[in-house]
Amino acid sequence: MSKSKASPSPLQPGAAKRRFPRYPLDLRISVQVLRAEGPISLWGRSNEVGADGIGVTLTGQLDPGEVVTLEMTLPSTSLPMKIRALVRYRDGLRHGFEFLALAPKQRDAVNQTCETLKGRE
């Protein structure tokens, strides 16, 4: 397994290269991935979120390029959401996910969360 280089977070140099800003957010997240040997379930804590993705430290490792299902309850929602996401990078147990094909209600919840967190900076 190769170690992937991490994308910059807002706290790292080069964060200006992102399409959307990231905001600190601590949530419990469950992750499911289907592999040839069977389904894998992991959990972790988010550390940042943006309109197009989320950074999460997990209990295990995923490979960049894998498509997963994230399950989380954003502060702007009362029910858990399942979101398809692509693993963009891995640095140890820290992973960066890009959201894929968000439903309109999911997109609204993510955007509302980002707007709320933006006001706290």
PDB file of N, CA and C in Angstrom:
ATOM      1  N   MET A   1       0.832  -1.184   0.000  1.00  0.00           N
ATOM      2  CA  MET A   1       0.000   0.000   0.000  1.00  0.00           C
ATOM      3  C   MET A   1       0.871   1.239   0.000  1.00  0.00           C
ATOM      4  N   SER A   2       0.590   2.117  -0.916  1.00  0.00           N
ATOM      5  CA  SER A   2       1.382   3.333  -0.982  1.00  0.00           C
ATOM      6  C   SER A   2       0.705   4.444  -0.211  1.00  0.00           C
ATOM      7  N   LYS A   3       1.511   5.330   0.290  1.00  0.00           N
ATOM      8  CA  LYS A   3       0.999   6.470   1.037  1.00  0.00           C
ATOM      9  C   LYS A   3       0.731   7.601   0.058  1.00  0.00           C
ATOM     10  N   SER A   4      -0.478   8.140   0.090  1.00  0.00           N
ATOM     11  CA  SER A   4      -0.831   9.226  -0.814  1.00  0.00           C
ATOM     12  C   SER A   4      -0.543  10.560  -0.162  1.00  0.00           C
ATOM     13  N   LYS A   5      -0.177  11.509  -0.968  1.00  0.00           N
ATOM     14  CA  LYS A   5       0.096  12.852  -0.462  1.00  0.00           C
ATOM     15  C   LYS A   5      -1.224  13.546  -0.153  1.00  0.00           C
ATOM     16  N   ALA A   6      -1.300  14.184   0.973  1.00  0.00           N
ATOM     17  CA  ALA A   6      -2.515  14.866   1.407  1.00  0.00           C
ATOM     18  C   ALA A   6      -2.700  16.173   0.664  1.00  0.00           C
ATOM     19  N   SER A   7      -3.952  16.506   0.387  1.00  0.00           N
ATOM     20  CA  SER A   7      -4.288  17.822  -0.149  1.00  0.00           C
ATOM     21  C   SER A   7      -4.224  18.821   0.988  1.00  0.00           C
ATOM     22  N   PRO A   8      -3.976  20.080   0.690  1.00  0.00           N
ATOM     23  CA  PRO A   8      -3.873  21.066   1.767  1.00  0.00           C
ATOM     24  C   PRO A   8      -5.220  21.322   2.435  1.00  0.00           C
ATOM     25  N   SER A   9      -5.211  21.449   3.736  1.00  0.00           N
ATOM     26  CA  SER A   9      -6.402  21.848   4.480  1.00  0.00           C
ATOM     27  C   SER A   9      -6.274  23.349   4.732  1.00  0.00           C
ATOM     28  N   PRO A  10      -7.336  23.982   5.298  1.00  0.00           N
ATOM     29  CA  PRO A  10      -7.233  25.413   5.509  1.00  0.00           C
ATOM     30  C   PRO A  10      -6.117  25.772   6.480  1.00  0.00           C
ATOM     31  N   LEU A  11      -5.681  24.804   7.241  1.00  0.00           N
ATOM     32  CA  LEU A  11      -4.632  25.054   8.209  1.00  0.00           C
ATOM     33  C   LEU A  11      -3.250  24.754   7.622  1.00  0.00           C
ATOM     34  N   GLN A  12      -3.209  24.225   6.383  1.00  0.00           N
ATOM     35  CA  GLN A  12      -1.951  23.879   5.740  1.00  0.00           C
ATOM     36  C   GLN A  12      -1.621  24.888   4.652  1.00  0.00           C
ATOM     37  N   PRO A  13      -0.325  25.068   4.346  1.00  0.00           N
ATOM     38  CA  PRO A  13       0.044  25.937   3.233  1.00  0.00           C
ATOM     39  C   PRO A  13      -0.546  25.387   1.937  1.00  0.00           C
ATOM     40  N   GLY A  14      -0.936  26.269   1.026  1.00  0.00           N
ATOM     41  CA  GLY A  14      -1.478  25.839  -0.255  1.00  0.00           C
ATOM     42  C   GLY A  14      -2.974  25.639  -0.259  1.00  0.00           C
ATOM     43  N   ALA A  15      -3.651  25.936   0.842  1.00  0.00           N
ATOM     44  CA  ALA A  15      -5.090  25.735   0.919  1.00  0.00           C
ATOM     45  C   ALA A  15      -5.836  26.574  -0.114  1.00  0.00           C
ATOM     46  N   ALA A  16      -5.218  27.640  -0.605  1.00  0.00           N
ATOM     47  CA  ALA A  16      -5.871  28.499  -1.593  1.00  0.00           C
ATOM     48  C   ALA A  16      -6.101  27.781  -2.913  1.00  0.00           C
ATOM     49  N   LYS A  17      -5.465  26.621  -3.137  1.00  0.00           N
ATOM     50  CA  LYS A  17      -5.629  25.873  -4.375  1.00  0.00           C
ATOM     51  C   LYS A  17      -6.967  25.135  -4.439  1.00  0.00           C
ATOM     52  N   ARG A  18      -7.667  25.001  -3.358  1.00  0.00           N
ATOM     53  CA  ARG A  18      -8.954  24.312  -3.326  1.00  0.00           C
ATOM     54  C   ARG A  18     -10.019  25.116  -4.064  1.00  0.00           C
ATOM     55  N   ARG A  19     -10.994  24.386  -4.625  1.00  0.00           N
ATOM     56  CA  ARG A  19     -12.119  25.059  -5.284  1.00  0.00           C
ATOM     57  C   ARG A  19     -13.052  25.710  -4.269  1.00  0.00           C
ATOM     58  N   PHE A  20     -13.194  25.075  -3.105  1.00  0.00           N
ATOM     59  CA  PHE A  20     -14.083  25.579  -2.061  1.00  0.00           C
ATOM     60  C   PHE A  20     -13.324  25.593  -0.737  1.00  0.00           C
ATOM     61  N   PRO A  21     -13.581  26.575   0.112  1.00  0.00           N
ATOM     62  CA  PRO A  21     -12.903  26.599   1.418  1.00  0.00           C
ATOM     63  C   PRO A  21     -13.368  25.446   2.302  1.00  0.00           C
ATOM     64  N   ARG A  22     -12.527  25.074   3.233  1.00  0.00           N
ATOM     65  CA  ARG A  22     -12.837  24.048   4.229  1.00  0.00           C
ATOM     66  C   ARG A  22     -13.042  24.724   5.577  1.00  0.00           C
ATOM     67  N   TYR A  23     -13.910  24.114   6.381  1.00  0.00           N
ATOM     68  CA  TYR A  23     -14.215  24.640   7.711  1.00  0.00           C
ATOM     69  C   TYR A  23     -14.070  23.522   8.729  1.00  0.00           C
ATOM     70  N   PRO A  24     -13.518  23.820   9.911  1.00  0.00           N
ATOM     71  CA  PRO A  24     -13.377  22.789  10.947  1.00  0.00           C
ATOM     72  C   PRO A  24     -14.746  22.235  11.343  1.00  0.00           C
ATOM     73  N   LEU A  25     -14.831  20.905  11.450  1.00  0.00           N
ATOM     74  CA  LEU A  25     -16.079  20.249  11.846  1.00  0.00           C
ATOM     75  C   LEU A  25     -15.741  18.885  12.431  1.00  0.00           C
ATOM     76  N   ASP A  26     -16.255  18.603  13.618  1.00  0.00           N
ATOM     77  CA  ASP A  26     -16.023  17.333  14.297  1.00  0.00           C
ATOM     78  C   ASP A  26     -17.337  16.547  14.341  1.00  0.00           C
ATOM     79  N   LEU A  27     -17.420  15.502  13.517  1.00  0.00           N
ATOM     80  CA  LEU A  27     -18.598  14.633  13.455  1.00  0.00           C
ATOM     81  C   LEU A  27     -18.157  13.177  13.479  1.00  0.00           C
ATOM     82  N   ARG A  28     -19.010  12.319  14.000  1.00  0.00           N
ATOM     83  CA  ARG A  28     -18.783  10.874  13.872  1.00  0.00           C
ATOM     84  C   ARG A  28     -19.294  10.465  12.494  1.00  0.00           C
ATOM     85  N   ILE A  29     -18.506   9.675  11.781  1.00  0.00           N
ATOM     86  CA  ILE A  29     -18.861   9.258  10.424  1.00  0.00           C
ATOM     87  C   ILE A  29     -18.627   7.758  10.282  1.00  0.00           C
ATOM     88  N   SER A  30     -19.584   7.081   9.665  1.00  0.00           N
ATOM     89  CA  SER A  30     -19.437   5.669   9.301  1.00  0.00           C
ATOM     90  C   SER A  30     -19.136   5.609   7.812  1.00  0.00           C
ATOM     91  N   VAL A  31     -18.269   4.677   7.435  1.00  0.00           N
ATOM     92  CA  VAL A  31     -17.879   4.524   6.036  1.00  0.00           C
ATOM     93  C   VAL A  31     -18.022   3.057   5.649  1.00  0.00           C
ATOM     94  N   GLN A  32     -18.669   2.821   4.508  1.00  0.00           N
ATOM     95  CA  GLN A  32     -18.792   1.475   3.974  1.00  0.00           C
ATOM     96  C   GLN A  32     -18.187   1.462   2.572  1.00  0.00           C
ATOM     97  N   VAL A  33     -17.431   0.395   2.283  1.00  0.00           N
ATOM     98  CA  VAL A  33     -16.843   0.216   0.962  1.00  0.00           C
ATOM     99  C   VAL A  33     -16.992  -1.257   0.579  1.00  0.00           C
ATOM    100  N   LEU A  34     -17.294  -1.499  -0.682  1.00  0.00           N
ATOM    101  CA  LEU A  34     -17.417  -2.867  -1.175  1.00  0.00           C
ATOM    102  C   LEU A  34     -16.133  -3.231  -1.906  1.00  0.00           C
ATOM    103  N   ARG A  35     -15.473  -4.265  -1.408  1.00  0.00           N
ATOM    104  CA  ARG A  35     -14.237  -4.758  -2.014  1.00  0.00           C
ATOM    105  C   ARG A  35     -14.462  -6.192  -2.474  1.00  0.00           C
ATOM    106  N   ALA A  36     -13.527  -6.703  -3.265  1.00  0.00           N
ATOM    107  CA  ALA A  36     -13.644  -8.061  -3.793  1.00  0.00           C
ATOM    108  C   ALA A  36     -13.802  -9.089  -2.674  1.00  0.00           C
ATOM    109  N   GLU A  37     -13.127  -8.872  -1.556  1.00  0.00           N
ATOM    110  CA  GLU A  37     -13.204  -9.823  -0.434  1.00  0.00           C
ATOM    111  C   GLU A  37     -14.451  -9.621   0.425  1.00  0.00           C
ATOM    112  N   GLY A  38     -15.249  -8.619   0.100  1.00  0.00           N
ATOM    113  CA  GLY A  38     -16.497  -8.361   0.831  1.00  0.00           C
ATOM    114  C   GLY A  38     -16.580  -6.932   1.315  1.00  0.00           C
ATOM    115  N   PRO A  39     -17.712  -6.587   1.916  1.00  0.00           N
ATOM    116  CA  PRO A  39     -17.895  -5.212   2.393  1.00  0.00           C
ATOM    117  C   PRO A  39     -17.020  -4.924   3.614  1.00  0.00           C
ATOM    118  N   ILE A  40     -16.559  -3.686   3.692  1.00  0.00           N
ATOM    119  CA  ILE A  40     -15.742  -3.210   4.809  1.00  0.00           C
ATOM    120  C   ILE A  40     -16.486  -2.035   5.447  1.00  0.00           C
ATOM    121  N   SER A  41     -16.556  -2.029   6.766  1.00  0.00           N
ATOM    122  CA  SER A  41     -17.151  -0.907   7.495  1.00  0.00           C
ATOM    123  C   SER A  41     -16.108  -0.315   8.424  1.00  0.00           C
ATOM    124  N   LEU A  42     -15.967   0.998   8.363  1.00  0.00           N
ATOM    125  CA  LEU A  42     -15.056   1.739   9.227  1.00  0.00           C
ATOM    126  C   LEU A  42     -15.822   2.885   9.853  1.00  0.00           C
ATOM    127  N   TRP A  43     -15.262   3.481  10.860  1.00  0.00           N
ATOM    128  CA  TRP A  43     -15.838   4.702  11.411  1.00  0.00           C
ATOM    129  C   TRP A  43     -14.702   5.649  11.719  1.00  0.00           C
ATOM    130  N   GLY A  44     -15.065   6.901  11.911  1.00  0.00           N
ATOM    131  CA  GLY A  44     -14.051   7.890  12.221  1.00  0.00           C
ATOM    132  C   GLY A  44     -14.663   9.216  12.616  1.00  0.00           C
ATOM    133  N   ARG A  45     -13.807  10.232  12.658  1.00  0.00           N
ATOM    134  CA  ARG A  45     -14.220  11.593  13.019  1.00  0.00           C
ATOM    135  C   ARG A  45     -13.788  12.522  11.899  1.00  0.00           C
ATOM    136  N   SER A  46     -14.696  13.410  11.528  1.00  0.00           N
ATOM    137  CA  SER A  46     -14.332  14.416  10.527  1.00  0.00           C
ATOM    138  C   SER A  46     -13.475  15.477  11.197  1.00  0.00           C
ATOM    139  N   ASN A  47     -12.700  16.185  10.378  1.00  0.00           N
ATOM    140  CA  ASN A  47     -11.919  17.298  10.910  1.00  0.00           C
ATOM    141  C   ASN A  47     -12.174  18.574  10.124  1.00  0.00           C
ATOM    142  N   GLU A  48     -12.701  18.441   8.899  1.00  0.00           N
ATOM    143  CA  GLU A  48     -13.025  19.619   8.098  1.00  0.00           C
ATOM    144  C   GLU A  48     -14.036  19.236   7.033  1.00  0.00           C
ATOM    145  N   VAL A  49     -14.811  20.237   6.604  1.00  0.00           N
ATOM    146  CA  VAL A  49     -15.818  20.017   5.564  1.00  0.00           C
ATOM    147  C   VAL A  49     -15.827  21.215   4.623  1.00  0.00           C
ATOM    148  N   GLY A  50     -16.182  20.945   3.375  1.00  0.00           N
ATOM    149  CA  GLY A  50     -16.355  21.990   2.371  1.00  0.00           C
ATOM    150  C   GLY A  50     -17.535  21.607   1.488  1.00  0.00           C
ATOM    151  N   ALA A  51     -17.889  22.463   0.565  1.00  0.00           N
ATOM    152  CA  ALA A  51     -19.039  22.211  -0.295  1.00  0.00           C
ATOM    153  C   ALA A  51     -18.864  20.975  -1.161  1.00  0.00           C
ATOM    154  N   ASP A  52     -17.609  20.586  -1.423  1.00  0.00           N
ATOM    155  CA  ASP A  52     -17.372  19.455  -2.322  1.00  0.00           C
ATOM    156  C   ASP A  52     -16.754  18.237  -1.658  1.00  0.00           C
ATOM    157  N   GLY A  53     -16.516  18.280  -0.336  1.00  0.00           N
ATOM    158  CA  GLY A  53     -15.914  17.120   0.295  1.00  0.00           C
ATOM    159  C   GLY A  53     -15.691  17.277   1.782  1.00  0.00           C
ATOM    160  N   ILE A  54     -15.067  16.243   2.354  1.00  0.00           N
ATOM    161  CA  ILE A  54     -14.872  16.210   3.800  1.00  0.00           C
ATOM    162  C   ILE A  54     -13.574  15.461   4.113  1.00  0.00           C
ATOM    163  N   GLY A  55     -12.888  15.900   5.154  1.00  0.00           N
ATOM    164  CA  GLY A  55     -11.694  15.228   5.650  1.00  0.00           C
ATOM    165  C   GLY A  55     -12.054  14.418   6.876  1.00  0.00           C
ATOM    166  N   VAL A  56     -11.589  13.176   6.931  1.00  0.00           N
ATOM    167  CA  VAL A  56     -11.974  12.264   8.007  1.00  0.00           C
ATOM    168  C   VAL A  56     -10.761  11.436   8.446  1.00  0.00           C
ATOM    169  N   THR A  57     -10.594  11.255   9.738  1.00  0.00           N
ATOM    170  CA  THR A  57      -9.617  10.314  10.265  1.00  0.00           C
ATOM    171  C   THR A  57     -10.385   9.040  10.613  1.00  0.00           C
ATOM    172  N   LEU A  58      -9.974   7.926   9.998  1.00  0.00           N
ATOM    173  CA  LEU A  58     -10.702   6.656  10.114  1.00  0.00           C
ATOM    174  C   LEU A  58      -9.972   5.635  10.976  1.00  0.00           C
ATOM    175  N   THR A  59     -10.682   4.568  11.312  1.00  0.00           N
ATOM    176  CA  THR A  59     -10.114   3.473  12.093  1.00  0.00           C
ATOM    177  C   THR A  59      -9.339   2.488  11.228  1.00  0.00           C
ATOM    178  N   GLY A  60      -9.339   2.683   9.923  1.00  0.00           N
ATOM    179  CA  GLY A  60      -8.605   1.830   8.993  1.00  0.00           C
ATOM    180  C   GLY A  60      -8.255   2.621   7.749  1.00  0.00           C
ATOM    181  N   GLN A  61      -7.642   1.941   6.784  1.00  0.00           N
ATOM    182  CA  GLN A  61      -7.184   2.641   5.583  1.00  0.00           C
ATOM    183  C   GLN A  61      -8.027   2.286   4.365  1.00  0.00           C
ATOM    184  N   LEU A  62      -8.294   3.307   3.565  1.00  0.00           N
ATOM    185  CA  LEU A  62      -8.935   3.150   2.262  1.00  0.00           C
ATOM    186  C   LEU A  62      -7.928   3.590   1.211  1.00  0.00           C
ATOM    187  N   ASP A  63      -8.140   3.154   0.000  1.00  0.00           N
ATOM    188  CA  ASP A  63      -7.228   3.517  -1.081  1.00  0.00           C
ATOM    189  C   ASP A  63      -7.799   4.643  -1.925  1.00  0.00           C
ATOM    190  N   PRO A  64      -6.959   5.597  -2.319  1.00  0.00           N
ATOM    191  CA  PRO A  64      -7.425   6.639  -3.233  1.00  0.00           C
ATOM    192  C   PRO A  64      -8.048   5.996  -4.470  1.00  0.00           C
ATOM    193  N   GLY A  65      -9.178   6.557  -4.899  1.00  0.00           N
ATOM    194  CA  GLY A  65      -9.906   6.029  -6.045  1.00  0.00           C
ATOM    195  C   GLY A  65     -11.080   5.152  -5.666  1.00  0.00           C
ATOM    196  N   GLU A  66     -11.116   4.661  -4.425  1.00  0.00           N
ATOM    197  CA  GLU A  66     -12.250   3.836  -4.000  1.00  0.00           C
ATOM    198  C   GLU A  66     -13.489   4.716  -3.838  1.00  0.00           C
ATOM    199  N   VAL A  67     -14.641   4.155  -4.200  1.00  0.00           N
ATOM    200  CA  VAL A  67     -15.920   4.832  -3.995  1.00  0.00           C
ATOM    201  C   VAL A  67     -16.559   4.220  -2.754  1.00  0.00           C
ATOM    202  N   VAL A  68     -17.003   5.079  -1.847  1.00  0.00           N
ATOM    203  CA  VAL A  68     -17.535   4.645  -0.556  1.00  0.00           C
ATOM    204  C   VAL A  68     -18.895   5.291  -0.301  1.00  0.00           C
ATOM    205  N   THR A  69     -19.550   4.811   0.738  1.00  0.00           N
ATOM    206  CA  THR A  69     -20.756   5.454   1.243  1.00  0.00           C
ATOM    207  C   THR A  69     -20.428   6.004   2.625  1.00  0.00           C
ATOM    208  N   LEU A  70     -20.596   7.324   2.782  1.00  0.00           N
ATOM    209  CA  LEU A  70     -20.405   7.985   4.069  1.00  0.00           C
ATOM    210  C   LEU A  70     -21.765   8.132   4.723  1.00  0.00           C
ATOM    211  N   GLU A  71     -21.850   7.868   6.016  1.00  0.00           N
ATOM    212  CA  GLU A  71     -23.091   8.112   6.750  1.00  0.00           C
ATOM    213  C   GLU A  71     -22.776   9.063   7.889  1.00  0.00           C
ATOM    214  N   MET A  72     -23.489  10.199   7.911  1.00  0.00           N
ATOM    215  CA  MET A  72     -23.227  11.233   8.914  1.00  0.00           C
ATOM    216  C   MET A  72     -24.482  12.061   9.139  1.00  0.00           C
ATOM    217  N   THR A  73     -24.517  12.720  10.265  1.00  0.00           N
ATOM    218  CA  THR A  73     -25.583  13.670  10.560  1.00  0.00           C
ATOM    219  C   THR A  73     -24.946  15.044  10.669  1.00  0.00           C
ATOM    220  N   LEU A  74     -25.193  15.887   9.674  1.00  0.00           N
ATOM    221  CA  LEU A  74     -24.642  17.243   9.682  1.00  0.00           C
ATOM    222  C   LEU A  74     -25.380  18.100  10.702  1.00  0.00           C
ATOM    223  N   PRO A  75     -24.744  19.151  11.218  1.00  0.00           N
ATOM    224  CA  PRO A  75     -25.403  20.016  12.195  1.00  0.00           C
ATOM    225  C   PRO A  75     -26.691  20.648  11.657  1.00  0.00           C
ATOM    226  N   SER A  76     -26.794  20.797  10.334  1.00  0.00           N
ATOM    227  CA  SER A  76     -27.976  21.430   9.746  1.00  0.00           C
ATOM    228  C   SER A  76     -29.109  20.436   9.492  1.00  0.00           C
ATOM    229  N   THR A  77     -28.920  19.161   9.855  1.00  0.00           N
ATOM    230  CA  THR A  77     -29.956  18.147   9.654  1.00  0.00           C
ATOM    231  C   THR A  77     -30.225  17.417  10.959  1.00  0.00           C
ATOM    232  N   SER A  78     -31.354  16.741  11.034  1.00  0.00           N
ATOM    233  CA  SER A  78     -31.662  15.976  12.239  1.00  0.00           C
ATOM    234  C   SER A  78     -31.554  14.473  11.996  1.00  0.00           C
ATOM    235  N   LEU A  79     -31.494  14.078  10.719  1.00  0.00           N
ATOM    236  CA  LEU A  79     -31.408  12.664  10.378  1.00  0.00           C
ATOM    237  C   LEU A  79     -30.091  12.358   9.665  1.00  0.00           C
ATOM    238  N   PRO A  80     -29.580  11.134   9.837  1.00  0.00           N
ATOM    239  CA  PRO A  80     -28.352  10.763   9.143  1.00  0.00           C
ATOM    240  C   PRO A  80     -28.546  10.792   7.626  1.00  0.00           C
ATOM    241  N   MET A  81     -27.492  11.159   6.931  1.00  0.00           N
ATOM    242  CA  MET A  81     -27.487  11.160   5.468  1.00  0.00           C
ATOM    243  C   MET A  81     -26.462  10.141   4.993  1.00  0.00           C
ATOM    244  N   LYS A  82     -26.785   9.459   3.889  1.00  0.00           N
ATOM    245  CA  LYS A  82     -25.825   8.579   3.222  1.00  0.00           C
ATOM    246  C   LYS A  82     -25.394   9.280   1.950  1.00  0.00           C
ATOM    247  N   ILE A  83     -24.084   9.484   1.834  1.00  0.00           N
ATOM    248  CA  ILE A  83     -23.515  10.216   0.701  1.00  0.00           C
ATOM    249  C   ILE A  83     -22.443   9.359   0.037  1.00  0.00           C
ATOM    250  N   ARG A  84     -22.534   9.207  -1.273  1.00  0.00           N
ATOM    251  CA  ARG A  84     -21.485   8.533  -2.037  1.00  0.00           C
ATOM    252  C   ARG A  84     -20.309   9.491  -2.168  1.00  0.00           C
ATOM    253  N   ALA A  85     -19.108   8.952  -2.038  1.00  0.00           N
ATOM    254  CA  ALA A  85     -17.919   9.797  -2.087  1.00  0.00           C
ATOM    255  C   ALA A  85     -16.750   9.013  -2.672  1.00  0.00           C
ATOM    256  N   LEU A  86     -15.809   9.750  -3.218  1.00  0.00           N
ATOM    257  CA  LEU A  86     -14.589   9.202  -3.788  1.00  0.00           C
ATOM    258  C   LEU A  86     -13.433   9.514  -2.850  1.00  0.00           C
ATOM    259  N   VAL A  87     -12.600   8.519  -2.554  1.00  0.00           N
ATOM    260  CA  VAL A  87     -11.399   8.755  -1.747  1.00  0.00           C
ATOM    261  C   VAL A  87     -10.400   9.479  -2.642  1.00  0.00           C
ATOM    262  N   ARG A  88     -10.104  10.733  -2.312  1.00  0.00           N
ATOM    263  CA  ARG A  88      -9.183  11.541  -3.115  1.00  0.00           C
ATOM    264  C   ARG A  88      -7.731  11.396  -2.657  1.00  0.00           C
ATOM    265  N   TYR A  89      -7.538  11.246  -1.338  1.00  0.00           N
ATOM    266  CA  TYR A  89      -6.178  11.059  -0.832  1.00  0.00           C
ATOM    267  C   TYR A  89      -6.214  10.333   0.492  1.00  0.00           C
ATOM    268  N   ARG A  90      -5.065   9.789   0.870  1.00  0.00           N
ATOM    269  CA  ARG A  90      -4.890   9.174   2.183  1.00  0.00           C
ATOM    270  C   ARG A  90      -3.515   9.555   2.687  1.00  0.00           C
ATOM    271  N   ASP A  91      -3.453   9.945   3.931  1.00  0.00           N
ATOM    272  CA  ASP A  91      -2.193  10.232   4.604  1.00  0.00           C
ATOM    273  C   ASP A  91      -2.281   9.534   5.954  1.00  0.00           C
ATOM    274  N   GLY A  92      -1.774   8.313   6.022  1.00  0.00           N
ATOM    275  CA  GLY A  92      -1.946   7.505   7.231  1.00  0.00           C
ATOM    276  C   GLY A  92      -3.411   7.126   7.357  1.00  0.00           C
ATOM    277  N   LEU A  93      -4.025   7.480   8.474  1.00  0.00           N
ATOM    278  CA  LEU A  93      -5.446   7.196   8.681  1.00  0.00           C
ATOM    279  C   LEU A  93      -6.335   8.381   8.308  1.00  0.00           C
ATOM    280  N   ARG A  94      -5.715   9.478   7.891  1.00  0.00           N
ATOM    281  CA  ARG A  94      -6.480  10.654   7.475  1.00  0.00           C
ATOM    282  C   ARG A  94      -6.816  10.522   5.983  1.00  0.00           C
ATOM    283  N   HIS A  95      -8.086  10.747   5.654  1.00  0.00           N
ATOM    284  CA  HIS A  95      -8.581  10.579   4.292  1.00  0.00           C
ATOM    285  C   HIS A  95      -9.323  11.825   3.842  1.00  0.00           C
ATOM    286  N   GLY A  96      -9.229  12.118   2.564  1.00  0.00           N
ATOM    287  CA  GLY A  96     -10.005  13.195   1.964  1.00  0.00           C
ATOM    288  C   GLY A  96     -11.009  12.596   1.001  1.00  0.00           C
ATOM    289  N   PHE A  97     -12.272  12.989   1.138  1.00  0.00           N
ATOM    290  CA  PHE A  97     -13.349  12.468   0.311  1.00  0.00           C
ATOM    291  C   PHE A  97     -13.965  13.583  -0.515  1.00  0.00           C
ATOM    292  N   GLU A  98     -14.237  13.286  -1.769  1.00  0.00           N
ATOM    293  CA  GLU A  98     -14.972  14.198  -2.640  1.00  0.00           C
ATOM    294  C   GLU A  98     -16.391  13.657  -2.772  1.00  0.00           C
ATOM    295  N   PHE A  99     -17.383  14.498  -2.471  1.00  0.00           N
ATOM    296  CA  PHE A  99     -18.776  14.079  -2.591  1.00  0.00           C
ATOM    297  C   PHE A  99     -19.112  13.816  -4.055  1.00  0.00           C
ATOM    298  N   LEU A 100     -19.897  12.771  -4.304  1.00  0.00           N
ATOM    299  CA  LEU A 100     -20.333  12.422  -5.651  1.00  0.00           C
ATOM    300  C   LEU A 100     -21.855  12.536  -5.748  1.00  0.00           C
ATOM    301  N   ALA A 101     -22.339  13.205  -6.770  1.00  0.00           N
ATOM    302  CA  ALA A 101     -23.770  13.246  -7.106  1.00  0.00           C
ATOM    303  C   ALA A 101     -24.679  13.442  -5.890  1.00  0.00           C
ATOM    304  N   LEU A 102     -24.496  14.537  -5.183  1.00  0.00           N
ATOM    305  CA  LEU A 102     -25.362  14.831  -4.045  1.00  0.00           C
ATOM    306  C   LEU A 102     -26.781  15.103  -4.518  1.00  0.00           C
ATOM    307  N   ALA A 103     -27.749  14.572  -3.794  1.00  0.00           N
ATOM    308  CA  ALA A 103     -29.149  14.894  -4.046  1.00  0.00           C
ATOM    309  C   ALA A 103     -29.356  16.358  -3.640  1.00  0.00           C
ATOM    310  N   PRO A 104     -30.353  17.034  -4.197  1.00  0.00           N
ATOM    311  CA  PRO A 104     -30.576  18.448  -3.853  1.00  0.00           C
ATOM    312  C   PRO A 104     -30.673  18.710  -2.343  1.00  0.00           C
ATOM    313  N   LYS A 105     -31.360  17.854  -1.588  1.00  0.00           N
ATOM    314  CA  LYS A 105     -31.475  18.053  -0.134  1.00  0.00           C
ATOM    315  C   LYS A 105     -30.129  17.878   0.557  1.00  0.00           C
ATOM    316  N   GLN A 106     -29.326  16.937   0.048  1.00  0.00           N
ATOM    317  CA  GLN A 106     -27.988  16.743   0.611  1.00  0.00           C
ATOM    318  C   GLN A 106     -27.107  17.957   0.318  1.00  0.00           C
ATOM    319  N   ARG A 107     -27.150  18.434  -0.921  1.00  0.00           N
ATOM    320  CA  ARG A 107     -26.363  19.617  -1.303  1.00  0.00           C
ATOM    321  C   ARG A 107     -26.759  20.810  -0.429  1.00  0.00           C
ATOM    322  N   ASP A 108     -28.067  21.002  -0.227  1.00  0.00           N
ATOM    323  CA  ASP A 108     -28.544  22.102   0.621  1.00  0.00           C
ATOM    324  C   ASP A 108     -28.017  21.964   2.044  1.00  0.00           C
ATOM    325  N   ALA A 109     -28.040  20.740   2.593  1.00  0.00           N
ATOM    326  CA  ALA A 109     -27.562  20.515   3.960  1.00  0.00           C
ATOM    327  C   ALA A 109     -26.066  20.800   4.074  1.00  0.00           C
ATOM    328  N   VAL A 110     -25.289  20.362   3.087  1.00  0.00           N
ATOM    329  CA  VAL A 110     -23.842  20.617   3.099  1.00  0.00           C
ATOM    330  C   VAL A 110     -23.585  22.122   2.997  1.00  0.00           C
ATOM    331  N   ASN A 111     -24.256  22.780   2.062  1.00  0.00           N
ATOM    332  CA  ASN A 111     -24.064  24.227   1.891  1.00  0.00           C
ATOM    333  C   ASN A 111     -24.486  25.004   3.136  1.00  0.00           C
ATOM    334  N   GLN A 112     -25.599  24.615   3.749  1.00  0.00           N
ATOM    335  CA  GLN A 112     -26.067  25.286   4.967  1.00  0.00           C
ATOM    336  C   GLN A 112     -25.052  25.091   6.102  1.00  0.00           C
ATOM    337  N   THR A 113     -24.508  23.894   6.224  1.00  0.00           N
ATOM    338  CA  THR A 113     -23.492  23.625   7.248  1.00  0.00           C
ATOM    339  C   THR A 113     -22.269  24.510   7.023  1.00  0.00           C
ATOM    340  N   CYS A 114     -21.812  24.601   5.771  1.00  0.00           N
ATOM    341  CA  CYS A 114     -20.645  25.429   5.456  1.00  0.00           C
ATOM    342  C   CYS A 114     -20.914  26.900   5.760  1.00  0.00           C
ATOM    343  N   GLU A 115     -22.100  27.394   5.422  1.00  0.00           N
ATOM    344  CA  GLU A 115     -22.449  28.786   5.710  1.00  0.00           C
ATOM    345  C   GLU A 115     -22.457  29.055   7.209  1.00  0.00           C
ATOM    346  N   THR A 116     -22.996  28.134   7.975  1.00  0.00           N
ATOM    347  CA  THR A 116     -23.024  28.285   9.437  1.00  0.00           C
ATOM    348  C   THR A 116     -21.611  28.295  10.002  1.00  0.00           C
ATOM    349  N   LEU A 117     -20.771  27.366   9.528  1.00  0.00           N
ATOM    350  CA  LEU A 117     -19.391  27.302  10.018  1.00  0.00           C
ATOM    351  C   LEU A 117     -18.580  28.516   9.575  1.00  0.00           C
ATOM    352  N   LYS A 118     -18.867  29.023   8.396  1.00  0.00           N
ATOM    353  CA  LYS A 118     -18.179  30.224   7.887  1.00  0.00           C
ATOM    354  C   LYS A 118     -18.420  31.409   8.823  1.00  0.00           C
ATOM    355  N   GLY A 119     -19.630  31.513   9.340  1.00  0.00           N
ATOM    356  CA  GLY A 119     -19.965  32.603  10.255  1.00  0.00           C
ATOM    357  C   GLY A 119     -19.278  32.516  11.592  1.00  0.00           C
ATOM    358  N   ARG A 120     -18.713  31.340  11.915  1.00  0.00           N
ATOM    359  CA  ARG A 120     -18.019  31.140  13.194  1.00  0.00           C
ATOM    360  C   ARG A 120     -16.539  31.432  13.126  1.00  0.00           C
ATOM    361  N   GLU A 121     -16.025  31.712  11.920  1.00  0.00           N
ATOM    362  CA  GLU A 121     -14.592  31.951  11.785  1.00  0.00           C
ATOM    363  C   GLU A 121     -14.199  33.283  12.351  1.00  0.00           C
TER     364      GLU A 121
END
